[in-house]
Amino acid sequence: METIQVQGESVPALGLGTWQLTGPDCRETVRTALEMGYRHVDTAQAYGNERQVGMGIDAADVDREDVFLVTKLDGRNRSARRVRQSARESCNRLGTDYLDLLLIHWPNTPWMAPLSETLGAMNDLVDDGLVEHVGVSNFSRSLLDEARERSDAPILTDQVQYHPYCDQRGLLDYCRIHDVLLTAYSPLARGGVLEDPALVQIGNRYGKSPAQVALRWLVQQDGVAAIPKASSRDHLAANLAIFDFELTDDEMDRIRSPSKVKTGYHYFRSQLPF
């Protein structure tokens, strides 16, 4: 598994997203993924599956220290008290003594708590050794800049939707300048890439599927990790098989075409669950 070096941390370039995975299926998927070679697992308090994710990690023949484990604060857990309490509750559900990365899931709104209060409590958890790194999710470039200013601990990542139909070049440029990892969720546009003509054509050249080409396009960009969701062994294996080929500069540009971004982005936005 290739890794990305950011702020002195080595982060696996490909992870397992667990949104909508629940119950025994979630537990078995996490166990299987880890035993196949995944070392980056992403969950969230709002997903309601932390306990199953933790059971999957425990069942796998992999040391906990080798797993980069990420969870995210629910919107109800943004006050200093709830940040500290809910992070400990997440650790209990996950069956771990620490979190590799704790994220703010969505930007704070006035009814939650000031961003500085949330980040201050997250920094306290870093000082206490309960959290290794802090980060954010779904933050714009301006909000990420504000978060960096208000956090004593470095912001390790901004986790956002990123795929061939959603242009994040401005945010990615900012992240590269400031040594922040961009983590791409929904990297396959919820299946939208599977019949894309350009991806099909490029994939045929390498004997790869459109999904594999889309994932390769992401992780081949400096400072980008991807966390596709998969539940079957075949899909887990296919997602892993993206490190044995390399796209040309021309192919990278073709995948990111202006018309593709504009058309696909508006389609994808209409499909979002939030």
Protein backbone atom coordinates (compact mmCIF):
# COMPACT_ATOMS: atom_id res chain seq x y z
CA MET A 1 0.00 0.00 0.00
CA GLU A 2 1.40 3.38 -1.01
CA THR A 3 1.47 6.07 1.64
CA ILE A 4 1.45 9.87 1.67
CA GLN A 5 3.83 11.82 3.86
CA VAL A 6 2.12 14.78 5.48
CA GLN A 7 3.29 16.70 8.55
CA GLY A 8 5.58 13.84 9.49
CA GLU A 9 2.75 11.27 9.37
CA SER A 10 2.57 8.42 6.89
CA VAL A 11 -1.05 8.04 5.73
CA PRO A 12 -2.15 5.14 3.50
CA ALA A 13 -3.19 6.59 0.16
CA LEU A 14 -6.22 4.31 -0.12
CA GLY A 15 -8.66 3.72 2.71
CA LEU A 16 -11.98 2.07 3.39
CA GLY A 17 -15.04 4.31 3.69
CA THR A 18 -17.78 2.85 5.89
CA TRP A 19 -20.74 5.19 5.40
CA GLN A 20 -23.96 3.10 5.21
CA LEU A 21 -22.15 -0.07 6.32
CA THR A 22 -23.91 -1.48 9.39
CA GLY A 23 -24.19 -4.57 11.54
CA PRO A 24 -22.41 -7.83 10.69
CA ASP A 25 -21.79 -6.66 7.12
CA CYS A 26 -19.78 -3.72 8.42
CA ARG A 27 -17.80 -5.86 10.83
CA GLU A 28 -16.99 -8.45 8.17
CA THR A 29 -16.11 -5.84 5.54
CA VAL A 30 -13.63 -4.13 7.85
CA ARG A 31 -12.05 -7.43 8.86
CA THR A 32 -11.78 -8.59 5.26
CA ALA A 33 -10.38 -5.27 4.06
CA LEU A 34 -7.66 -5.23 6.68
CA GLU A 35 -6.64 -8.81 5.97
CA MET A 36 -6.46 -7.94 2.26
CA GLY A 37 -4.05 -5.09 2.92
CA TYR A 38 -6.08 -1.98 3.74
CA ARG A 39 -4.59 0.06 6.58
CA HIS A 40 -6.79 3.17 6.57
CA VAL A 41 -10.35 2.95 7.93
CA ASP A 42 -12.78 5.86 8.03
CA THR A 43 -15.96 6.10 10.12
CA ALA A 44 -17.97 8.77 11.96
CA GLN A 45 -20.12 9.15 15.03
CA ALA A 46 -23.04 9.97 12.74
CA TYR A 47 -22.68 6.67 10.85
CA GLY A 48 -23.77 4.66 13.88
CA ASN A 49 -21.28 1.89 13.09
CA GLU A 50 -18.23 2.63 15.24
CA ARG A 51 -18.82 -0.45 17.38
CA GLN A 52 -18.97 -2.70 14.29
CA VAL A 53 -15.88 -1.05 12.81
CA GLY A 54 -14.02 -1.68 16.04
CA MET A 55 -15.12 -5.30 16.11
CA GLY A 56 -13.87 -5.71 12.54
CA ILE A 57 -10.48 -4.28 13.47
CA ASP A 58 -10.29 -6.53 16.51
CA ALA A 59 -11.19 -9.62 14.46
CA ALA A 60 -8.54 -8.96 11.80
CA ASP A 61 -5.07 -10.42 12.11
CA VAL A 62 -3.57 -6.94 12.06
CA ASP A 63 -2.01 -4.93 14.88
CA ARG A 64 -4.02 -1.89 15.91
CA GLU A 65 -0.87 0.25 15.60
CA ASP A 66 -0.76 -0.57 11.89
CA VAL A 67 -4.26 0.81 11.24
CA PHE A 68 -4.84 4.50 10.54
CA LEU A 69 -8.24 4.91 12.19
CA VAL A 70 -10.40 7.98 11.58
CA THR A 71 -13.70 9.12 13.07
CA LYS A 72 -15.63 12.38 12.99
CA LEU A 73 -17.52 14.50 15.50
CA ASP A 74 -21.29 14.56 15.14
CA GLY A 75 -22.94 17.98 14.95
CA ARG A 76 -24.31 17.52 18.47
CA ASN A 77 -20.79 17.09 19.86
CA ARG A 78 -19.09 20.42 19.24
CA SER A 79 -19.01 22.03 22.70
CA ALA A 80 -15.78 21.53 24.62
CA ARG A 81 -17.47 19.15 27.04
CA ARG A 82 -19.11 17.06 24.33
CA VAL A 83 -15.97 16.96 22.18
CA ARG A 84 -14.00 15.43 25.03
CA GLN A 85 -16.80 13.13 26.19
CA SER A 86 -17.88 11.93 22.75
CA ALA A 87 -14.30 11.23 21.63
CA ARG A 88 -13.89 8.95 24.63
CA GLU A 89 -17.22 7.31 23.81
CA SER A 90 -16.02 6.77 20.24
CA CYS A 91 -12.85 5.13 21.54
CA ASN A 92 -14.93 2.84 23.74
CA ARG A 93 -17.15 1.84 20.84
CA LEU A 94 -14.16 1.32 18.57
CA GLY A 95 -12.34 -0.69 21.23
CA THR A 96 -9.22 1.46 21.04
CA ASP A 97 -7.16 3.58 23.40
CA TYR A 98 -6.61 6.32 20.84
CA LEU A 99 -7.72 7.75 17.51
CA ASP A 100 -5.24 8.37 14.73
CA LEU A 101 -7.38 11.20 13.41
CA LEU A 102 -10.44 13.04 14.72
CA LEU A 103 -12.33 15.29 12.30
CA ILE A 104 -15.01 17.94 12.52
CA HIS A 105 -17.58 16.31 10.23
CA TRP A 106 -19.28 19.45 8.89
CA PRO A 107 -18.56 23.14 9.54
CA ASN A 108 -19.92 24.47 12.81
CA THR A 109 -23.16 26.45 12.74
CA PRO A 110 -24.21 29.05 15.36
CA TRP A 111 -26.32 26.56 17.33
CA MET A 112 -23.37 24.21 17.77
CA ALA A 113 -20.36 25.99 19.27
CA PRO A 114 -17.68 28.42 18.11
CA LEU A 115 -15.08 26.75 15.91
CA SER A 116 -12.36 27.87 18.30
CA GLU A 117 -14.07 26.04 21.18
CA THR A 118 -14.38 22.80 19.22
CA LEU A 119 -10.80 22.92 18.01
CA GLY A 120 -9.54 23.89 21.44
CA ALA A 121 -11.10 20.78 22.96
CA MET A 122 -9.71 18.64 20.12
CA ASN A 123 -6.27 20.09 20.85
CA ASP A 124 -6.71 19.09 24.49
CA LEU A 125 -7.36 15.52 23.36
CA VAL A 126 -4.09 15.61 21.41
CA ASP A 127 -2.29 16.81 24.54
CA ASP A 128 -3.93 14.00 26.52
CA GLY A 129 -2.78 11.36 24.01
CA LEU A 130 -6.32 10.28 23.10
CA VAL A 131 -6.03 11.72 19.59
CA GLU A 132 -2.94 11.72 17.39
CA HIS A 133 -4.09 14.25 14.79
CA VAL A 134 -7.00 16.60 14.14
CA GLY A 135 -8.67 17.60 10.91
CA VAL A 136 -11.85 18.80 9.25
CA SER A 137 -14.33 17.57 6.67
CA ASN A 138 -16.43 19.47 4.14
CA PHE A 139 -14.56 22.72 4.83
CA SER A 140 -14.11 25.25 2.03
CA ARG A 141 -10.72 26.82 1.47
CA SER A 142 -11.66 29.88 3.54
CA LEU A 143 -13.01 27.75 6.39
CA LEU A 144 -9.93 25.53 6.29
CA ASP A 145 -7.79 28.64 6.54
CA GLU A 146 -9.79 29.75 9.58
CA ALA A 147 -9.45 26.32 11.18
CA ARG A 148 -5.70 26.37 10.71
CA GLU A 149 -5.52 29.76 12.38
CA ARG A 150 -7.62 28.67 15.34
CA SER A 151 -5.97 25.32 16.04
CA ASP A 152 -2.68 24.95 17.89
CA ALA A 153 -2.37 21.41 16.56
CA PRO A 154 -1.82 21.27 12.78
CA ILE A 155 -4.88 20.42 10.67
CA LEU A 156 -3.79 17.15 9.06
CA THR A 157 -6.54 16.83 6.43
CA ASP A 158 -9.68 18.27 4.89
CA GLN A 159 -11.95 15.40 3.84
CA VAL A 160 -14.20 16.47 0.98
CA GLN A 161 -16.06 14.99 -1.95
CA TYR A 162 -13.60 14.74 -4.81
CA HIS A 163 -13.89 12.81 -8.06
CA PRO A 164 -13.68 13.55 -11.81
CA TYR A 165 -17.00 15.42 -11.71
CA CYS A 166 -16.20 17.64 -8.72
CA ASP A 167 -13.40 20.13 -9.20
CA GLN A 168 -11.33 20.74 -6.06
CA ARG A 169 -8.25 22.29 -7.67
CA GLY A 170 -8.42 25.49 -5.64
CA LEU A 171 -8.67 23.63 -2.36
CA LEU A 172 -5.98 21.15 -3.40
CA ASP A 173 -3.58 23.95 -4.30
CA TYR A 174 -4.14 25.47 -0.86
CA CYS A 175 -3.60 22.11 0.84
CA ARG A 176 -0.35 21.51 -1.00
CA ILE A 177 1.02 24.91 -0.03
CA HIS A 178 0.23 24.32 3.66
CA ASP A 179 1.09 20.59 3.87
CA VAL A 180 -2.52 19.50 4.44
CA LEU A 181 -3.77 16.19 3.07
CA LEU A 182 -6.88 16.26 0.89
CA THR A 183 -8.93 13.10 1.52
CA ALA A 184 -11.45 12.29 -1.20
CA TYR A 185 -14.73 10.70 -0.15
CA SER A 186 -17.28 9.42 -2.67
CA PRO A 187 -14.35 9.13 -5.10
CA LEU A 188 -16.44 7.12 -7.58
CA ALA A 189 -19.26 9.72 -7.62
CA ARG A 190 -21.62 7.13 -6.16
CA GLY A 191 -21.16 4.97 -9.24
CA GLY A 192 -21.28 7.87 -11.67
CA VAL A 193 -17.84 7.05 -13.10
CA LEU A 194 -18.67 3.48 -14.07
CA GLU A 195 -19.94 4.21 -17.56
CA ASP A 196 -17.88 7.29 -18.30
CA PRO A 197 -16.61 6.96 -21.90
CA ALA A 198 -13.22 8.55 -21.22
CA LEU A 199 -12.61 6.35 -18.19
CA VAL A 200 -13.70 3.25 -20.11
CA GLN A 201 -11.33 4.06 -22.96
CA ILE A 202 -8.38 4.79 -20.69
CA GLY A 203 -9.10 1.70 -18.61
CA ASN A 204 -9.06 -0.52 -21.69
CA ARG A 205 -5.48 0.53 -22.33
CA TYR A 206 -4.37 -0.77 -18.94
CA GLY A 207 -6.83 -3.61 -18.44
CA LYS A 208 -8.51 -1.63 -15.66
CA SER A 209 -12.11 -0.70 -14.90
CA PRO A 210 -13.40 2.91 -14.99
CA ALA A 211 -13.57 2.82 -11.18
CA GLN A 212 -9.92 1.83 -10.95
CA VAL A 213 -8.95 4.60 -13.36
CA ALA A 214 -10.89 7.16 -11.28
CA LEU A 215 -9.17 6.02 -8.09
CA ARG A 216 -5.78 6.02 -9.75
CA TRP A 217 -6.45 9.56 -11.01
CA LEU A 218 -7.00 10.67 -7.43
CA VAL A 219 -4.10 8.98 -5.67
CA GLN A 220 -1.70 9.94 -8.46
CA GLN A 221 -2.22 13.58 -7.54
CA ASP A 222 0.25 14.84 -4.95
CA GLY A 223 -1.28 15.06 -1.50
CA VAL A 224 -4.54 13.20 -2.22
CA ALA A 225 -5.88 10.10 -0.46
CA ALA A 226 -9.12 8.33 -1.37
CA ILE A 227 -11.57 6.39 0.81
CA PRO A 228 -13.99 4.49 -1.45
CA LYS A 229 -16.75 2.46 0.14
CA ALA A 230 -16.89 -1.22 -0.80
CA SER A 231 -18.51 -4.24 0.78
CA SER A 232 -17.79 -7.22 -1.46
CA ARG A 233 -14.41 -8.95 -1.57
CA ASP A 234 -14.24 -8.40 -5.34
CA HIS A 235 -14.73 -4.65 -5.02
CA LEU A 236 -12.29 -4.42 -2.14
CA ALA A 237 -9.67 -6.23 -4.21
CA ALA A 238 -10.38 -4.14 -7.31
CA ASN A 239 -9.94 -0.89 -5.37
CA LEU A 240 -6.58 -2.08 -4.08
CA ALA A 241 -5.35 -2.93 -7.58
CA ILE A 242 -4.57 0.64 -8.59
CA PHE A 243 -0.89 0.85 -7.72
CA ASP A 244 0.49 -1.21 -10.61
CA PHE A 245 -0.12 1.33 -13.39
CA GLU A 246 0.33 5.05 -13.95
CA LEU A 247 -1.72 7.48 -16.00
CA THR A 248 -0.03 9.81 -18.46
CA ASP A 249 -0.27 13.58 -18.09
CA ASP A 250 -2.62 13.67 -21.05
CA GLU A 251 -4.88 11.05 -19.48
CA MET A 252 -4.90 12.94 -16.18
CA ASP A 253 -6.05 16.06 -18.05
CA ARG A 254 -8.67 14.19 -20.09
CA ILE A 255 -10.24 12.82 -16.91
CA ARG A 256 -10.49 16.33 -15.53
CA SER A 257 -12.25 18.02 -18.45
CA PRO A 258 -14.20 21.28 -17.89
CA SER A 259 -17.40 19.94 -19.43
CA LYS A 260 -17.19 16.76 -17.39
CA VAL A 261 -16.68 18.70 -14.17
CA LYS A 262 -19.56 21.09 -14.80
CA THR A 263 -22.12 18.52 -15.91
CA GLY A 264 -21.20 15.81 -13.45
CA TYR A 265 -20.86 18.14 -10.48
CA HIS A 266 -24.45 19.37 -10.71
CA TYR A 267 -25.70 15.80 -11.12
CA PHE A 268 -23.72 14.59 -8.15
CA ARG A 269 -24.83 17.44 -5.91
CA SER A 270 -28.44 16.47 -6.54
CA GLN A 271 -27.69 12.96 -5.28
CA LEU A 272 -26.10 13.94 -1.98
CA PRO A 273 -27.79 12.57 1.16
CA PHE A 274 -27.21 15.71 3.24
